[in-house]
Structure formats: structure tokens, C-alpha cells
Amino acid sequence: SLNISEPTVKTHLANIYFKLGVDSRASAVA
């Protein structure tokens, strides 16, 4: 959808987890 690579998505997710203080997708959403 965003025209980026899967590794790039994973990197962004890792940054999101760090900023929100979580370690999973579900926790990030919650």
C-alpha cells in the first residue's frame, strides 16, 4: 500500500514500539 519494502515496514514498527513502550502490534494498537 505504501510502496515500501517489508524490512522498512518492520523498521518503522520497531520505532513505533519503542516510542509507545510496547513490543507487539496488538499492544501498540491498544
All heavy atoms as atom14 arrays in JSON, in Angstrom:
{
  "sequence": "SLNISEPTVKTHLANIYFKLGVDSRASAVA",
  "atom14_mask": [
    [1, 1, 1, 1, 1, 1, 0, 0, 0, 0, 0, 0, 0, 0],
    [1, 1, 1, 1, 1, 1, 1, 1, 0, 0, 0, 0, 0, 0],
    [1, 1, 1, 1, 1, 1, 1, 1, 0, 0, 0, 0, 0, 0],
    [1, 1, 1, 1, 1, 1, 1, 1, 0, 0, 0, 0, 0, 0],
    [1, 1, 1, 1, 1, 1, 0, 0, 0, 0, 0, 0, 0, 0],
    [1, 1, 1, 1, 1, 1, 1, 1, 1, 0, 0, 0, 0, 0],
    [1, 1, 1, 1, 1, 1, 1, 0, 0, 0, 0, 0, 0, 0],
    [1, 1, 1, 1, 1, 1, 1, 0, 0, 0, 0, 0, 0, 0],
    [1, 1, 1, 1, 1, 1, 1, 0, 0, 0, 0, 0, 0, 0],
    [1, 1, 1, 1, 1, 1, 1, 1, 1, 0, 0, 0, 0, 0],
    [1, 1, 1, 1, 1, 1, 1, 0, 0, 0, 0, 0, 0, 0],
    [1, 1, 1, 1, 1, 1, 1, 1, 1, 1, 0, 0, 0, 0],
    [1, 1, 1, 1, 1, 1, 1, 1, 0, 0, 0, 0, 0, 0],
    [1, 1, 1, 1, 1, 0, 0, 0, 0, 0, 0, 0, 0, 0],
    [1, 1, 1, 1, 1, 1, 1, 1, 0, 0, 0, 0, 0, 0],
    [1, 1, 1, 1, 1, 1, 1, 1, 0, 0, 0, 0, 0, 0],
    [1, 1, 1, 1, 1, 1, 1, 1, 1, 1, 1, 1, 0, 0],
    [1, 1, 1, 1, 1, 1, 1, 1, 1, 1, 1, 0, 0, 0],
    [1, 1, 1, 1, 1, 1, 1, 1, 1, 0, 0, 0, 0, 0],
    [1, 1, 1, 1, 1, 1, 1, 1, 0, 0, 0, 0, 0, 0],
    [1, 1, 1, 1, 0, 0, 0, 0, 0, 0, 0, 0, 0, 0],
    [1, 1, 1, 1, 1, 1, 1, 0, 0, 0, 0, 0, 0, 0],
    [1, 1, 1, 1, 1, 1, 1, 1, 0, 0, 0, 0, 0, 0],
    [1, 1, 1, 1, 1, 1, 0, 0, 0, 0, 0, 0, 0, 0],
    [1, 1, 1, 1, 1, 1, 1, 1, 1, 1, 1, 0, 0, 0],
    [1, 1, 1, 1, 1, 0, 0, 0, 0, 0, 0, 0, 0, 0],
    [1, 1, 1, 1, 1, 1, 0, 0, 0, 0, 0, 0, 0, 0],
    [1, 1, 1, 1, 1, 0, 0, 0, 0, 0, 0, 0, 0, 0],
    [1, 1, 1, 1, 1, 1, 1, 0, 0, 0, 0, 0, 0, 0],
    [1, 1, 1, 1, 1, 0, 0, 0, 0, 0, 0, 0, 0, 0]
  ],
  "atom14_positions": [
    [[0.82, -1.22, 0.0], [0.0, 0.0, 0.0], [0.85, 1.27, 0.0], [0.51, 2.26, -0.65], [-0.93, 0.01, 1.23], [-1.82, -1.08, 1.2], [0.0, 0.0, 0.0], [0.0, 0.0, 0.0], [0.0, 0.0, 0.0], [0.0, 0.0, 0.0], [0.0, 0.0, 0.0], [0.0, 0.0, 0.0], [0.0, 0.0, 0.0], [0.0, 0.0, 0.0]],
    [[1.98, 1.22, 0.73], [2.82, 2.41, 0.88], [4.0, 2.43, -0.09], [4.81, 3.35, -0.05], [3.32, 2.51, 2.32], [2.22, 2.64, 3.4], [2.85, 2.73, 4.78], [1.35, 3.86, 3.13], [0.0, 0.0, 0.0], [0.0, 0.0, 0.0], [0.0, 0.0, 0.0], [0.0, 0.0, 0.0], [0.0, 0.0, 0.0], [0.0, 0.0, 0.0]],
    [[4.1, 1.37, -0.9], [5.19, 1.26, -1.88], [6.57, 1.32, -1.22], [7.47, 2.02, -1.66], [5.07, 2.39, -2.93], [5.93, 2.11, -4.16], [6.19, 0.96, -4.5], [6.38, 3.17, -4.81], [0.0, 0.0, 0.0], [0.0, 0.0, 0.0], [0.0, 0.0, 0.0], [0.0, 0.0, 0.0], [0.0, 0.0, 0.0], [0.0, 0.0, 0.0]],
    [[6.7, 0.54, -0.14], [7.97, 0.4, 0.55], [8.24, -1.08, 0.76], [7.37, -1.92, 0.51], [7.99, 1.15, 1.91], [6.86, 0.62, 2.82], [7.86, 2.65, 1.71], [6.84, 1.28, 4.19], [0.0, 0.0, 0.0], [0.0, 0.0, 0.0], [0.0, 0.0, 0.0], [0.0, 0.0, 0.0], [0.0, 0.0, 0.0], [0.0, 0.0, 0.0]],
    [[9.43, -1.45, 1.22], [9.76, -2.86, 1.42], [9.27, -3.34, 2.79], [9.03, -2.54, 3.7], [11.28, -3.06, 1.34], [11.93, -2.44, 2.45], [0.0, 0.0, 0.0], [0.0, 0.0, 0.0], [0.0, 0.0, 0.0], [0.0, 0.0, 0.0], [0.0, 0.0, 0.0], [0.0, 0.0, 0.0], [0.0, 0.0, 0.0], [0.0, 0.0, 0.0]],
    [[9.12, -4.66, 2.9], [8.71, -5.22, 4.19], [9.73, -4.94, 5.3], [9.34, -4.63, 6.42], [8.47, -6.73, 4.05], [7.18, -7.08, 3.34], [6.85, -8.55, 3.43], [6.68, -9.06, 4.56], [6.8, -9.21, 2.37], [0.0, 0.0, 0.0], [0.0, 0.0, 0.0], [0.0, 0.0, 0.0], [0.0, 0.0, 0.0], [0.0, 0.0, 0.0]],
    [[11.05, -5.03, 5.02], [12.02, -4.68, 6.07], [11.84, -3.23, 6.55], [12.03, -2.95, 7.74], [13.37, -4.88, 5.38], [13.11, -5.95, 4.38], [11.74, -5.64, 3.85], [0.0, 0.0, 0.0], [0.0, 0.0, 0.0], [0.0, 0.0, 0.0], [0.0, 0.0, 0.0], [0.0, 0.0, 0.0], [0.0, 0.0, 0.0], [0.0, 0.0, 0.0]],
    [[11.47, -2.34, 5.64], [11.25, -0.95, 6.03], [10.03, -0.85, 6.95], [10.04, -0.09, 7.93], [11.05, -0.05, 4.79], [12.23, -0.11, 3.99], [10.79, 1.39, 5.2], [0.0, 0.0, 0.0], [0.0, 0.0, 0.0], [0.0, 0.0, 0.0], [0.0, 0.0, 0.0], [0.0, 0.0, 0.0], [0.0, 0.0, 0.0], [0.0, 0.0, 0.0]],
    [[9.0, -1.61, 6.63], [7.81, -1.64, 7.5], [8.21, -2.12, 8.89], [7.8, -1.54, 9.91], [6.72, -2.56, 6.91], [5.58, -2.74, 7.91], [6.19, -1.99, 5.61], [0.0, 0.0, 0.0], [0.0, 0.0, 0.0], [0.0, 0.0, 0.0], [0.0, 0.0, 0.0], [0.0, 0.0, 0.0], [0.0, 0.0, 0.0], [0.0, 0.0, 0.0]],
    [[9.02, -3.17, 8.96], [9.44, -3.71, 10.25], [10.27, -2.69, 11.03], [10.15, -2.6, 12.26], [10.24, -5.0, 10.04], [9.41, -6.15, 9.51], [10.25, -7.41, 9.3], [9.42, -8.55, 8.75], [10.24, -9.78, 8.53], [0.0, 0.0, 0.0], [0.0, 0.0, 0.0], [0.0, 0.0, 0.0], [0.0, 0.0, 0.0], [0.0, 0.0, 0.0]],
    [[11.09, -1.93, 10.33], [11.87, -0.89, 10.99], [10.96, 0.18, 11.59], [11.15, 0.62, 12.73], [12.85, -0.24, 10.0], [13.78, -1.23, 9.55], [13.63, 0.89, 10.67], [0.0, 0.0, 0.0], [0.0, 0.0, 0.0], [0.0, 0.0, 0.0], [0.0, 0.0, 0.0], [0.0, 0.0, 0.0], [0.0, 0.0, 0.0], [0.0, 0.0, 0.0]],
    [[9.97, 0.61, 10.82], [9.01, 1.6, 11.32], [8.25, 1.05, 12.52], [8.01, 1.77, 13.5], [8.03, 2.0, 10.22], [8.6, 2.93, 9.2], [9.18, 4.14, 9.53], [8.69, 2.85, 7.84], [9.59, 4.76, 8.43], [9.31, 3.98, 7.39], [0.0, 0.0, 0.0], [0.0, 0.0, 0.0], [0.0, 0.0, 0.0], [0.0, 0.0, 0.0]],
    [[7.86, -0.21, 12.46], [7.14, -0.83, 13.57], [8.01, -0.85, 14.83], [7.54, -0.6, 15.94], [6.69, -2.25, 13.21], [5.49, -2.36, 12.26], [5.28, -3.81, 11.87], [4.23, -1.8, 12.92], [0.0, 0.0, 0.0], [0.0, 0.0, 0.0], [0.0, 0.0, 0.0], [0.0, 0.0, 0.0], [0.0, 0.0, 0.0], [0.0, 0.0, 0.0]],
    [[9.3, -1.17, 14.65], [10.21, -1.18, 15.8], [10.29, 0.2, 16.43], [10.31, 0.34, 17.67], [11.6, -1.64, 15.35], [0.0, 0.0, 0.0], [0.0, 0.0, 0.0], [0.0, 0.0, 0.0], [0.0, 0.0, 0.0], [0.0, 0.0, 0.0], [0.0, 0.0, 0.0], [0.0, 0.0, 0.0], [0.0, 0.0, 0.0], [0.0, 0.0, 0.0]],
    [[10.32, 1.24, 15.6], [10.34, 2.61, 16.12], [9.05, 2.95, 16.85], [9.06, 3.61, 17.91], [10.57, 3.61, 14.98], [11.97, 3.53, 14.39], [12.91, 3.1, 15.07], [12.12, 3.92, 13.14], [0.0, 0.0, 0.0], [0.0, 0.0, 0.0], [0.0, 0.0, 0.0], [0.0, 0.0, 0.0], [0.0, 0.0, 0.0], [0.0, 0.0, 0.0]],
    [[7.92, 2.5, 16.3], [6.62, 2.73, 16.94], [6.58, 2.04, 18.3], [6.15, 2.62, 19.3], [5.48, 2.23, 16.04], [5.38, 3.11, 14.79], [4.15, 2.24, 16.79], [4.44, 2.55, 13.73], [0.0, 0.0, 0.0], [0.0, 0.0, 0.0], [0.0, 0.0, 0.0], [0.0, 0.0, 0.0], [0.0, 0.0, 0.0], [0.0, 0.0, 0.0]],
    [[7.03, 0.78, 18.33], [7.05, 0.04, 19.59], [7.88, 0.77, 20.64], [7.49, 0.89, 21.81], [7.62, -1.37, 19.39], [6.82, -2.27, 18.48], [7.39, -3.46, 18.0], [5.53, -1.96, 18.09], [6.68, -4.31, 17.17], [4.81, -2.8, 17.26], [5.39, -3.97, 16.8], [4.69, -4.81, 15.97], [0.0, 0.0, 0.0], [0.0, 0.0, 0.0]],
    [[9.06, 1.25, 20.22], [9.95, 1.94, 21.15], [9.3, 3.2, 21.7], [9.33, 3.47, 22.9], [11.27, 2.29, 20.45], [12.22, 3.09, 21.3], [12.95, 2.48, 22.31], [12.35, 4.46, 21.12], [13.81, 3.22, 23.11], [13.21, 5.21, 21.91], [13.94, 4.59, 22.91], [0.0, 0.0, 0.0], [0.0, 0.0, 0.0], [0.0, 0.0, 0.0]],
    [[8.69, 3.98, 20.83], [8.1, 5.25, 21.26], [6.87, 5.04, 22.15], [6.61, 5.86, 23.04], [7.72, 6.1, 20.04], [8.94, 6.6, 19.27], [8.54, 7.39, 18.03], [9.76, 7.88, 17.27], [9.39, 8.67, 16.06], [0.0, 0.0, 0.0], [0.0, 0.0, 0.0], [0.0, 0.0, 0.0], [0.0, 0.0, 0.0], [0.0, 0.0, 0.0]],
    [[6.13, 3.96, 21.9], [4.94, 3.68, 22.71], [5.25, 2.82, 23.93], [4.39, 2.62, 24.78], [3.87, 3.0, 21.85], [3.26, 3.82, 20.71], [2.23, 2.99, 19.95], [2.62, 5.1, 21.24], [0.0, 0.0, 0.0], [0.0, 0.0, 0.0], [0.0, 0.0, 0.0], [0.0, 0.0, 0.0], [0.0, 0.0, 0.0], [0.0, 0.0, 0.0]],
    [[6.48, 2.28, 23.99], [6.86, 1.45, 25.12], [6.2, 0.08, 25.11], [5.85, -0.46, 26.15], [0.0, 0.0, 0.0], [0.0, 0.0, 0.0], [0.0, 0.0, 0.0], [0.0, 0.0, 0.0], [0.0, 0.0, 0.0], [0.0, 0.0, 0.0], [0.0, 0.0, 0.0], [0.0, 0.0, 0.0], [0.0, 0.0, 0.0], [0.0, 0.0, 0.0]],
    [[6.04, -0.49, 23.9], [5.4, -1.8, 23.77], [6.3, -2.71, 22.94], [7.35, -2.28, 22.46], [4.01, -1.67, 23.09], [3.08, -0.79, 23.92], [4.15, -1.1, 21.67], [0.0, 0.0, 0.0], [0.0, 0.0, 0.0], [0.0, 0.0, 0.0], [0.0, 0.0, 0.0], [0.0, 0.0, 0.0], [0.0, 0.0, 0.0], [0.0, 0.0, 0.0]],
    [[5.86, -3.97, 22.75], [6.69, -4.89, 21.96], [5.87, -5.78, 21.04], [6.32, -6.84, 20.63], [7.57, -5.75, 22.87], [6.77, -6.57, 23.86], [5.52, -6.56, 23.76], [7.39, -7.22, 24.72], [0.0, 0.0, 0.0], [0.0, 0.0, 0.0], [0.0, 0.0, 0.0], [0.0, 0.0, 0.0], [0.0, 0.0, 0.0], [0.0, 0.0, 0.0]],
    [[4.64, -5.36, 20.71], [3.84, -6.14, 19.78], [2.84, -5.24, 19.08], [2.53, -4.14, 19.55], [3.1, -7.27, 20.5], [2.04, -6.75, 21.29], [0.0, 0.0, 0.0], [0.0, 0.0, 0.0], [0.0, 0.0, 0.0], [0.0, 0.0, 0.0], [0.0, 0.0, 0.0], [0.0, 0.0, 0.0], [0.0, 0.0, 0.0], [0.0, 0.0, 0.0]],
    [[2.31, -5.72, 17.97], [1.32, -4.96, 17.2], [0.06, -4.7, 18.02], [-0.46, -3.58, 18.06], [0.96, -5.73, 15.93], [2.11, -5.94, 14.98], [1.78, -7.03, 13.97], [0.86, -6.56, 12.94], [1.24, -6.08, 11.77], [2.55, -5.96, 11.49], [0.37, -5.72, 10.86], [0.0, 0.0, 0.0], [0.0, 0.0, 0.0], [0.0, 0.0, 0.0]],
    [[-0.42, -5.76, 18.67], [-1.65, -5.62, 19.43], [-1.49, -4.62, 20.57], [-2.38, -3.81, 20.84], [-2.09, -6.98, 19.97], [0.0, 0.0, 0.0], [0.0, 0.0, 0.0], [0.0, 0.0, 0.0], [0.0, 0.0, 0.0], [0.0, 0.0, 0.0], [0.0, 0.0, 0.0], [0.0, 0.0, 0.0], [0.0, 0.0, 0.0], [0.0, 0.0, 0.0]],
    [[-0.35, -4.69, 21.25], [-0.1, -3.76, 22.35], [0.01, -2.33, 21.83], [-0.46, -1.39, 22.47], [1.19, -4.14, 23.09], [1.06, -5.39, 23.71], [0.0, 0.0, 0.0], [0.0, 0.0, 0.0], [0.0, 0.0, 0.0], [0.0, 0.0, 0.0], [0.0, 0.0, 0.0], [0.0, 0.0, 0.0], [0.0, 0.0, 0.0], [0.0, 0.0, 0.0]],
    [[0.63, -2.16, 20.66], [0.75, -0.82, 20.07], [-0.63, -0.24, 19.79], [-0.91, 0.93, 20.08], [1.57, -0.88, 18.79], [0.0, 0.0, 0.0], [0.0, 0.0, 0.0], [0.0, 0.0, 0.0], [0.0, 0.0, 0.0], [0.0, 0.0, 0.0], [0.0, 0.0, 0.0], [0.0, 0.0, 0.0], [0.0, 0.0, 0.0], [0.0, 0.0, 0.0]],
    [[-1.52, -1.07, 19.23], [-2.88, -0.61, 18.95], [-3.61, -0.27, 20.23], [-4.26, 0.78, 20.35], [-3.66, -1.68, 18.14], [-5.13, -1.31, 18.04], [-3.07, -1.84, 16.75], [0.0, 0.0, 0.0], [0.0, 0.0, 0.0], [0.0, 0.0, 0.0], [0.0, 0.0, 0.0], [0.0, 0.0, 0.0], [0.0, 0.0, 0.0], [0.0, 0.0, 0.0]],
    [[-3.5, -1.16, 21.23], [-4.21, -0.94, 22.49], [-3.74, 0.33, 23.19], [-4.56, 1.14, 23.66], [-4.02, -2.15, 23.42], [0.0, 0.0, 0.0], [0.0, 0.0, 0.0], [0.0, 0.0, 0.0], [0.0, 0.0, 0.0], [0.0, 0.0, 0.0], [0.0, 0.0, 0.0], [0.0, 0.0, 0.0], [0.0, 0.0, 0.0], [0.0, 0.0, 0.0]]
  ]
}
